[in-house]
């Protein structure tokens, strides 16, 4: 997803999205370990999306507290 799409989400939606992405990453790692993964580059994309979510979530929390 693009950062602009994450910025449009609320903090609660970002938390839910982070949980979903972490679950997907777990499943992808499991597939990689068993040799069933179809697209290994998806792991990198999911990791980056998690980082984006965490960054935008912290930005929103900082701006909310200031």
C-alpha atoms as a PDB file:
ATOM      1  CA  UNK A   1       0.000   0.000   0.000  1.00  0.00           C
ATOM      2  CA  UNK A   2       1.007   3.579  -0.478  1.00  0.00           C
ATOM      3  CA  UNK A   3       1.788   5.772   2.538  1.00  0.00           C
ATOM      4  CA  UNK A   4      -1.075   8.087   1.586  1.00  0.00           C
ATOM      5  CA  UNK A   5      -3.501   5.190   1.989  1.00  0.00           C
ATOM      6  CA  UNK A   6      -2.149   4.512   5.476  1.00  0.00           C
ATOM      7  CA  UNK A   7      -2.334   8.199   6.407  1.00  0.00           C
ATOM      8  CA  UNK A   8      -6.046   8.212   5.604  1.00  0.00           C
ATOM      9  CA  UNK A   9      -6.675   5.512   8.223  1.00  0.00           C
ATOM     10  CA  UNK A  10      -7.508   6.103  11.868  1.00  0.00           C
ATOM     11  CA  UNK A  11      -5.233   4.851  14.647  1.00  0.00           C
ATOM     12  CA  UNK A  12      -7.574   1.919  15.327  1.00  0.00           C
ATOM     13  CA  UNK A  13      -7.541   0.941  11.650  1.00  0.00           C
ATOM     14  CA  UNK A  14      -3.736   1.160  11.623  1.00  0.00           C
ATOM     15  CA  UNK A  15      -3.525  -1.152  14.634  1.00  0.00           C
ATOM     16  CA  UNK A  16      -5.815  -3.660  12.892  1.00  0.00           C
ATOM     17  CA  UNK A  17      -3.805  -3.398   9.665  1.00  0.00           C
ATOM     18  CA  UNK A  18      -0.560  -3.981  11.584  1.00  0.00           C
ATOM     19  CA  UNK A  19      -2.005  -7.140  13.151  1.00  0.00           C
ATOM     20  CA  UNK A  20      -3.134  -8.390   9.748  1.00  0.00           C
ATOM     21  CA  UNK A  21       0.269  -7.699   8.191  1.00  0.00           C
ATOM     22  CA  UNK A  22       2.117  -9.432  11.038  1.00  0.00           C
ATOM     23  CA  UNK A  23      -0.148 -12.475  10.624  1.00  0.00           C
ATOM     24  CA  UNK A  24       0.540 -12.478   6.878  1.00  0.00           C
ATOM     25  CA  UNK A  25       4.285 -12.201   7.497  1.00  0.00           C
ATOM     26  CA  UNK A  26       4.144 -15.167   9.864  1.00  0.00           C
ATOM     27  CA  UNK A  27       2.335 -17.226   7.240  1.00  0.00           C
ATOM     28  CA  UNK A  28       4.817 -16.201   4.542  1.00  0.00           C
ATOM     29  CA  UNK A  29       7.760 -17.176   6.741  1.00  0.00           C
ATOM     30  CA  UNK A  30       6.100 -20.518   7.412  1.00  0.00           C
ATOM     31  CA  UNK A  31       5.614 -21.057   3.673  1.00  0.00           C
ATOM     32  CA  UNK A  32       9.250 -20.132   3.065  1.00  0.00           C
ATOM     33  CA  UNK A  33      10.456 -22.636   5.657  1.00  0.00           C
ATOM     34  CA  UNK A  34       8.425 -25.425   4.075  1.00  0.00           C
ATOM     35  CA  UNK A  35       9.394 -24.420   0.528  1.00  0.00           C
ATOM     36  CA  UNK A  36       5.848 -23.619  -0.572  1.00  0.00           C
ATOM     37  CA  UNK A  37       6.236 -19.857  -1.064  1.00  0.00           C
ATOM     38  CA  UNK A  38       5.218 -18.623  -4.511  1.00  0.00           C
ATOM     39  CA  UNK A  39       6.476 -15.041  -4.299  1.00  0.00           C
ATOM     40  CA  UNK A  40       9.417 -14.571  -1.886  1.00  0.00           C
ATOM     41  CA  UNK A  41       9.493 -10.826  -2.612  1.00  0.00           C
ATOM     42  CA  UNK A  42       6.137 -10.527  -0.842  1.00  0.00           C
ATOM     43  CA  UNK A  43       7.985 -10.948   2.475  1.00  0.00           C
ATOM     44  CA  UNK A  44       9.955  -7.766   1.790  1.00  0.00           C
ATOM     45  CA  UNK A  45       6.818  -5.874   0.787  1.00  0.00           C
ATOM     46  CA  UNK A  46       4.965  -6.926   3.946  1.00  0.00           C
ATOM     47  CA  UNK A  47       7.904  -5.918   6.154  1.00  0.00           C
ATOM     48  CA  UNK A  48       7.960  -2.490   4.518  1.00  0.00           C
ATOM     49  CA  UNK A  49       4.212  -2.091   4.965  1.00  0.00           C
ATOM     50  CA  UNK A  50       4.575  -2.937   8.668  1.00  0.00           C
ATOM     51  CA  UNK A  51       7.288  -0.288   8.983  1.00  0.00           C
ATOM     52  CA  UNK A  52       5.078   2.254   7.208  1.00  0.00           C
ATOM     53  CA  UNK A  53       2.162   1.490   9.507  1.00  0.00           C
ATOM     54  CA  UNK A  54       4.332   1.835  12.612  1.00  0.00           C
ATOM     55  CA  UNK A  55       5.818   5.125  11.393  1.00  0.00           C
ATOM     56  CA  UNK A  56       2.488   6.689  10.529  1.00  0.00           C
ATOM     57  CA  UNK A  57       0.922   5.393  13.748  1.00  0.00           C
ATOM     58  CA  UNK A  58       3.677   7.004  15.830  1.00  0.00           C
ATOM     59  CA  UNK A  59       3.337  10.263  13.871  1.00  0.00           C
ATOM     60  CA  UNK A  60      -0.394  10.355  14.554  1.00  0.00           C
ATOM     61  CA  UNK A  61       0.104   9.595  18.250  1.00  0.00           C
ATOM     62  CA  UNK A  62       2.729  12.336  18.568  1.00  0.00           C
ATOM     63  CA  UNK A  63       0.553  14.913  16.843  1.00  0.00           C
ATOM     64  CA  UNK A  64      -2.402  13.885  19.006  1.00  0.00           C
ATOM     65  CA  UNK A  65      -0.428  14.424  22.230  1.00  0.00           C
ATOM     66  CA  UNK A  66       1.096  17.760  21.225  1.00  0.00           C
END
